[in-house]
Amino acid sequence: MEVAAERYSLHLTIVHQTDNTVKARIHIIDDIIVQFYYHEQSGTTNFALIGWSNRLFGRDCIHGSWHMHPFDDPDNHDSSEMGSIQPTPDSFMEEVIGWLIQKKIL
């Protein structure tokens, strides 16, 4: 997560951490953040782009199975071949930054 933030000269903040969980955020601009969440015991991992208090995009892993919340329909659970790709924090940031640039938000 730190490497992904540093690559774009952004700051990573650990919001919550226990022996089994970590939640971290990267502030991009104004009301737009990237949030990373991991829970060791449940096997849950969430990567989310959040803007204006809404999820705009995400990739989640629940019990070892990945799915995507696509940019055009973030409430949807896309488990297709493309949707089930396991991201790294760096690859997730690439998707997010690319989309923000495409939409002229950055």
N, C-alpha and C. Protein backbone atom coordinates (compact mmCIF):
# COMPACT_ATOMS: atom_id res chain seq x y z
N MET A 1 0.82 -1.18 0.00
CA MET A 1 0.00 0.00 0.00
C MET A 1 0.87 1.25 0.00
N GLU A 2 1.95 1.21 0.78
CA GLU A 2 2.85 2.36 0.85
C GLU A 2 3.48 2.64 -0.51
N VAL A 3 3.87 1.57 -1.21
CA VAL A 3 4.50 1.72 -2.52
C VAL A 3 3.51 2.34 -3.51
N ALA A 4 2.27 1.89 -3.46
CA ALA A 4 1.24 2.43 -4.36
C ALA A 4 1.03 3.92 -4.10
N ALA A 5 1.02 4.32 -2.85
CA ALA A 5 0.85 5.75 -2.52
C ALA A 5 2.06 6.55 -2.96
N GLU A 6 3.24 6.05 -2.67
CA GLU A 6 4.47 6.77 -3.03
C GLU A 6 4.62 6.93 -4.53
N ARG A 7 4.19 5.94 -5.28
CA ARG A 7 4.30 6.01 -6.75
C ARG A 7 3.61 7.25 -7.31
N TYR A 8 2.53 7.67 -6.67
CA TYR A 8 1.77 8.84 -7.13
C TYR A 8 1.96 10.05 -6.21
N SER A 9 2.97 9.98 -5.36
CA SER A 9 3.27 11.07 -4.40
C SER A 9 2.07 11.40 -3.53
N LEU A 10 1.40 10.37 -3.06
CA LEU A 10 0.24 10.52 -2.18
C LEU A 10 0.56 9.97 -0.80
N HIS A 11 -0.21 10.37 0.18
CA HIS A 11 0.04 9.98 1.56
C HIS A 11 -0.91 8.86 1.99
N LEU A 12 -0.36 7.83 2.59
CA LEU A 12 -1.14 6.72 3.13
C LEU A 12 -1.36 6.94 4.62
N THR A 13 -2.61 6.77 5.06
CA THR A 13 -2.94 6.88 6.48
C THR A 13 -3.55 5.57 6.95
N ILE A 14 -3.02 5.01 8.02
CA ILE A 14 -3.62 3.83 8.64
C ILE A 14 -4.77 4.34 9.51
N VAL A 15 -5.98 3.95 9.17
CA VAL A 15 -7.17 4.42 9.87
C VAL A 15 -7.47 3.54 11.08
N HIS A 16 -7.25 2.24 10.91
CA HIS A 16 -7.56 1.29 11.98
C HIS A 16 -6.65 0.07 11.83
N GLN A 17 -6.13 -0.42 12.93
CA GLN A 17 -5.28 -1.60 12.87
C GLN A 17 -5.39 -2.38 14.17
N THR A 18 -5.57 -3.71 14.01
CA THR A 18 -5.54 -4.63 15.14
C THR A 18 -4.59 -5.76 14.76
N ASP A 19 -4.56 -6.81 15.57
CA ASP A 19 -3.73 -7.97 15.24
C ASP A 19 -4.20 -8.67 13.97
N ASN A 20 -5.50 -8.53 13.64
CA ASN A 20 -6.09 -9.25 12.50
C ASN A 20 -6.57 -8.38 11.36
N THR A 21 -6.65 -7.07 11.57
CA THR A 21 -7.22 -6.20 10.54
C THR A 21 -6.38 -4.96 10.33
N VAL A 22 -6.52 -4.43 9.13
CA VAL A 22 -5.93 -3.12 8.84
C VAL A 22 -6.85 -2.42 7.84
N LYS A 23 -7.08 -1.13 8.08
CA LYS A 23 -7.81 -0.28 7.14
C LYS A 23 -6.93 0.94 6.91
N ALA A 24 -6.62 1.18 5.63
CA ALA A 24 -5.77 2.31 5.27
C ALA A 24 -6.43 3.10 4.16
N ARG A 25 -6.10 4.39 4.11
CA ARG A 25 -6.67 5.26 3.08
C ARG A 25 -5.58 6.11 2.44
N ILE A 26 -5.78 6.35 1.16
CA ILE A 26 -4.94 7.27 0.40
C ILE A 26 -5.85 8.39 -0.07
N HIS A 27 -5.58 9.60 0.39
CA HIS A 27 -6.35 10.77 -0.02
C HIS A 27 -5.85 11.22 -1.40
N ILE A 28 -6.75 11.29 -2.37
CA ILE A 28 -6.34 11.68 -3.72
C ILE A 28 -6.59 13.18 -3.92
N ILE A 29 -7.83 13.58 -3.93
CA ILE A 29 -8.19 15.00 -4.00
C ILE A 29 -9.54 15.19 -3.31
N ASP A 30 -9.77 16.39 -2.82
CA ASP A 30 -11.05 16.77 -2.21
C ASP A 30 -11.71 15.60 -1.48
N ASP A 31 -12.86 15.15 -1.97
CA ASP A 31 -13.62 14.09 -1.33
C ASP A 31 -13.39 12.73 -1.97
N ILE A 32 -12.21 12.51 -2.54
CA ILE A 32 -11.92 11.25 -3.22
C ILE A 32 -10.76 10.55 -2.52
N ILE A 33 -11.03 9.30 -2.09
CA ILE A 33 -10.00 8.50 -1.43
C ILE A 33 -9.98 7.09 -2.00
N VAL A 34 -8.89 6.41 -1.79
CA VAL A 34 -8.80 4.98 -2.03
C VAL A 34 -8.67 4.34 -0.66
N GLN A 35 -9.49 3.33 -0.42
CA GLN A 35 -9.45 2.65 0.87
C GLN A 35 -9.06 1.19 0.67
N PHE A 36 -8.16 0.71 1.51
CA PHE A 36 -7.72 -0.67 1.52
C PHE A 36 -8.12 -1.27 2.86
N TYR A 37 -8.71 -2.46 2.83
CA TYR A 37 -9.11 -3.14 4.06
C TYR A 37 -8.72 -4.60 3.96
N TYR A 38 -8.20 -5.14 5.07
CA TYR A 38 -7.85 -6.56 5.11
C TYR A 38 -8.21 -7.11 6.48
N HIS A 39 -8.87 -8.28 6.49
CA HIS A 39 -9.22 -8.97 7.73
C HIS A 39 -8.71 -10.40 7.62
N GLU A 40 -7.68 -10.71 8.38
CA GLU A 40 -7.00 -12.00 8.27
C GLU A 40 -7.91 -13.18 8.62
N GLN A 41 -8.65 -13.10 9.69
CA GLN A 41 -9.47 -14.24 10.13
C GLN A 41 -10.58 -14.59 9.15
N SER A 42 -11.21 -13.59 8.56
CA SER A 42 -12.31 -13.88 7.63
C SER A 42 -11.83 -14.04 6.19
N GLY A 43 -10.58 -13.69 5.92
CA GLY A 43 -10.07 -13.77 4.55
C GLY A 43 -10.64 -12.71 3.64
N THR A 44 -11.06 -11.60 4.21
CA THR A 44 -11.67 -10.52 3.45
C THR A 44 -10.65 -9.44 3.10
N THR A 45 -10.64 -9.06 1.82
CA THR A 45 -9.82 -7.95 1.35
C THR A 45 -10.71 -7.05 0.50
N ASN A 46 -10.65 -5.75 0.73
CA ASN A 46 -11.44 -4.79 -0.05
C ASN A 46 -10.54 -3.65 -0.50
N PHE A 47 -10.61 -3.34 -1.79
CA PHE A 47 -9.98 -2.16 -2.35
C PHE A 47 -11.12 -1.32 -2.91
N ALA A 48 -11.23 -0.07 -2.50
CA ALA A 48 -12.36 0.74 -2.96
C ALA A 48 -11.93 2.16 -3.29
N LEU A 49 -12.47 2.68 -4.39
CA LEU A 49 -12.37 4.10 -4.71
C LEU A 49 -13.66 4.71 -4.18
N ILE A 50 -13.53 5.68 -3.29
CA ILE A 50 -14.69 6.32 -2.68
C ILE A 50 -14.65 7.80 -3.02
N GLY A 51 -15.76 8.29 -3.53
CA GLY A 51 -15.87 9.70 -3.87
C GLY A 51 -17.23 10.23 -3.48
N TRP A 52 -17.22 11.39 -2.85
CA TRP A 52 -18.47 12.04 -2.47
C TRP A 52 -19.35 11.10 -1.65
N SER A 53 -18.70 10.36 -0.74
CA SER A 53 -19.35 9.44 0.21
C SER A 53 -19.99 8.22 -0.45
N ASN A 54 -19.57 7.88 -1.67
CA ASN A 54 -20.10 6.71 -2.37
C ASN A 54 -18.95 5.87 -2.93
N ARG A 55 -19.16 4.56 -2.98
CA ARG A 55 -18.19 3.72 -3.66
C ARG A 55 -18.33 3.96 -5.17
N LEU A 56 -17.22 4.29 -5.83
CA LEU A 56 -17.21 4.52 -7.26
C LEU A 56 -16.68 3.32 -8.03
N PHE A 57 -15.88 2.48 -7.35
CA PHE A 57 -15.24 1.33 -7.97
C PHE A 57 -14.65 0.49 -6.85
N GLY A 58 -14.57 -0.81 -7.05
CA GLY A 58 -13.94 -1.63 -6.03
C GLY A 58 -13.61 -3.02 -6.52
N ARG A 59 -12.72 -3.64 -5.80
CA ARG A 59 -12.38 -5.05 -5.99
C ARG A 59 -12.33 -5.67 -4.60
N ASP A 60 -13.10 -6.74 -4.41
CA ASP A 60 -13.23 -7.38 -3.10
C ASP A 60 -12.92 -8.86 -3.19
N CYS A 61 -12.39 -9.39 -2.11
CA CYS A 61 -12.16 -10.83 -1.97
C CYS A 61 -12.84 -11.28 -0.69
N ILE A 62 -13.76 -12.21 -0.84
CA ILE A 62 -14.45 -12.78 0.30
C ILE A 62 -14.26 -14.29 0.24
N HIS A 63 -13.63 -14.84 1.26
CA HIS A 63 -13.33 -16.26 1.35
C HIS A 63 -12.58 -16.78 0.12
N GLY A 64 -11.62 -16.01 -0.36
CA GLY A 64 -10.77 -16.43 -1.47
C GLY A 64 -11.32 -16.19 -2.85
N SER A 65 -12.50 -15.60 -2.97
CA SER A 65 -13.13 -15.36 -4.27
C SER A 65 -13.21 -13.86 -4.54
N TRP A 66 -12.57 -13.42 -5.62
CA TRP A 66 -12.55 -11.99 -5.97
C TRP A 66 -13.72 -11.62 -6.86
N HIS A 67 -14.22 -10.41 -6.69
CA HIS A 67 -15.21 -9.83 -7.60
C HIS A 67 -14.95 -8.32 -7.70
N MET A 68 -15.54 -7.71 -8.70
CA MET A 68 -15.32 -6.29 -8.95
C MET A 68 -16.66 -5.55 -8.85
N HIS A 69 -16.57 -4.31 -8.38
CA HIS A 69 -17.69 -3.37 -8.41
C HIS A 69 -17.31 -2.36 -9.50
N PRO A 70 -17.82 -2.53 -10.73
CA PRO A 70 -17.36 -1.73 -11.87
C PRO A 70 -17.68 -0.24 -11.76
N PHE A 71 -16.86 0.56 -12.46
CA PHE A 71 -17.04 2.01 -12.46
C PHE A 71 -18.44 2.41 -12.89
N ASP A 72 -19.00 1.75 -13.89
CA ASP A 72 -20.30 2.15 -14.43
C ASP A 72 -21.48 1.62 -13.61
N ASP A 73 -21.22 0.71 -12.66
CA ASP A 73 -22.29 0.15 -11.81
C ASP A 73 -21.68 -0.38 -10.51
N PRO A 74 -21.22 0.52 -9.63
CA PRO A 74 -20.48 0.07 -8.44
C PRO A 74 -21.28 -0.75 -7.43
N ASP A 75 -22.59 -0.83 -7.57
CA ASP A 75 -23.38 -1.68 -6.68
C ASP A 75 -23.42 -3.13 -7.17
N ASN A 76 -23.00 -3.35 -8.41
CA ASN A 76 -22.98 -4.67 -9.02
C ASN A 76 -21.78 -5.48 -8.52
N HIS A 77 -21.92 -6.79 -8.49
CA HIS A 77 -20.83 -7.71 -8.16
C HIS A 77 -20.47 -8.48 -9.42
N ASP A 78 -19.38 -8.08 -10.08
CA ASP A 78 -18.95 -8.70 -11.32
C ASP A 78 -17.93 -9.80 -11.01
N SER A 79 -18.34 -11.06 -11.17
CA SER A 79 -17.46 -12.19 -10.91
C SER A 79 -16.98 -12.84 -12.20
N SER A 80 -17.08 -12.12 -13.31
CA SER A 80 -16.60 -12.63 -14.59
C SER A 80 -15.08 -12.81 -14.54
N GLU A 81 -14.50 -13.29 -15.63
CA GLU A 81 -13.05 -13.47 -15.68
C GLU A 81 -12.34 -12.15 -15.39
N MET A 82 -12.81 -11.06 -15.99
CA MET A 82 -12.21 -9.75 -15.76
C MET A 82 -12.49 -9.26 -14.33
N GLY A 83 -13.68 -9.51 -13.84
CA GLY A 83 -14.06 -9.06 -12.51
C GLY A 83 -13.37 -9.82 -11.39
N SER A 84 -12.94 -11.04 -11.67
CA SER A 84 -12.35 -11.85 -10.61
C SER A 84 -10.82 -11.79 -10.58
N ILE A 85 -10.25 -10.85 -11.31
CA ILE A 85 -8.79 -10.66 -11.29
C ILE A 85 -8.37 -10.19 -9.89
N GLN A 86 -7.34 -10.83 -9.35
CA GLN A 86 -6.82 -10.44 -8.04
C GLN A 86 -5.86 -9.27 -8.22
N PRO A 87 -6.22 -8.10 -7.69
CA PRO A 87 -5.34 -6.93 -7.85
C PRO A 87 -4.25 -6.88 -6.78
N THR A 88 -3.25 -6.10 -7.07
CA THR A 88 -2.30 -5.67 -6.05
C THR A 88 -2.70 -4.23 -5.71
N PRO A 89 -2.24 -3.70 -4.59
CA PRO A 89 -2.54 -2.28 -4.34
C PRO A 89 -2.06 -1.39 -5.49
N ASP A 90 -0.89 -1.71 -6.07
CA ASP A 90 -0.36 -0.91 -7.16
C ASP A 90 -1.24 -1.00 -8.41
N SER A 91 -1.66 -2.22 -8.78
CA SER A 91 -2.51 -2.35 -9.98
C SER A 91 -3.87 -1.70 -9.76
N PHE A 92 -4.39 -1.76 -8.53
CA PHE A 92 -5.66 -1.10 -8.23
C PHE A 92 -5.52 0.41 -8.39
N MET A 93 -4.43 0.95 -7.87
CA MET A 93 -4.19 2.40 -8.01
C MET A 93 -4.06 2.78 -9.49
N GLU A 94 -3.44 1.95 -10.31
CA GLU A 94 -3.34 2.23 -11.75
C GLU A 94 -4.72 2.32 -12.37
N GLU A 95 -5.62 1.39 -12.03
CA GLU A 95 -6.99 1.43 -12.54
C GLU A 95 -7.68 2.72 -12.12
N VAL A 96 -7.55 3.06 -10.84
CA VAL A 96 -8.21 4.23 -10.29
C VAL A 96 -7.68 5.52 -10.93
N ILE A 97 -6.38 5.68 -10.95
CA ILE A 97 -5.78 6.90 -11.51
C ILE A 97 -6.13 7.02 -12.99
N GLY A 98 -6.08 5.92 -13.73
CA GLY A 98 -6.45 5.94 -15.15
C GLY A 98 -7.88 6.40 -15.35
N TRP A 99 -8.80 5.90 -14.53
CA TRP A 99 -10.20 6.29 -14.64
C TRP A 99 -10.39 7.76 -14.28
N LEU A 100 -9.73 8.21 -13.20
CA LEU A 100 -9.85 9.61 -12.78
C LEU A 100 -9.32 10.56 -13.86
N ILE A 101 -8.26 10.16 -14.54
CA ILE A 101 -7.73 10.97 -15.64
C ILE A 101 -8.68 10.95 -16.82
N GLN A 102 -9.20 9.77 -17.16
CA GLN A 102 -10.15 9.64 -18.27
C GLN A 102 -11.38 10.51 -18.05
N LYS A 103 -11.86 10.56 -16.82
CA LYS A 103 -13.05 11.36 -16.50
C LYS A 103 -12.73 12.82 -16.23
N LYS A 104 -11.46 13.19 -16.41
CA LYS A 104 -10.99 14.57 -16.22
C LYS A 104 -11.20 15.07 -14.79
N ILE A 105 -11.15 14.15 -13.85
CA ILE A 105 -11.22 14.51 -12.43
C ILE A 105 -9.83 14.88 -11.95
N LEU A 106 -8.82 14.24 -12.53
CA LEU A 106 -7.40 14.58 -12.26
C LEU A 106 -6.82 15.23 -13.49
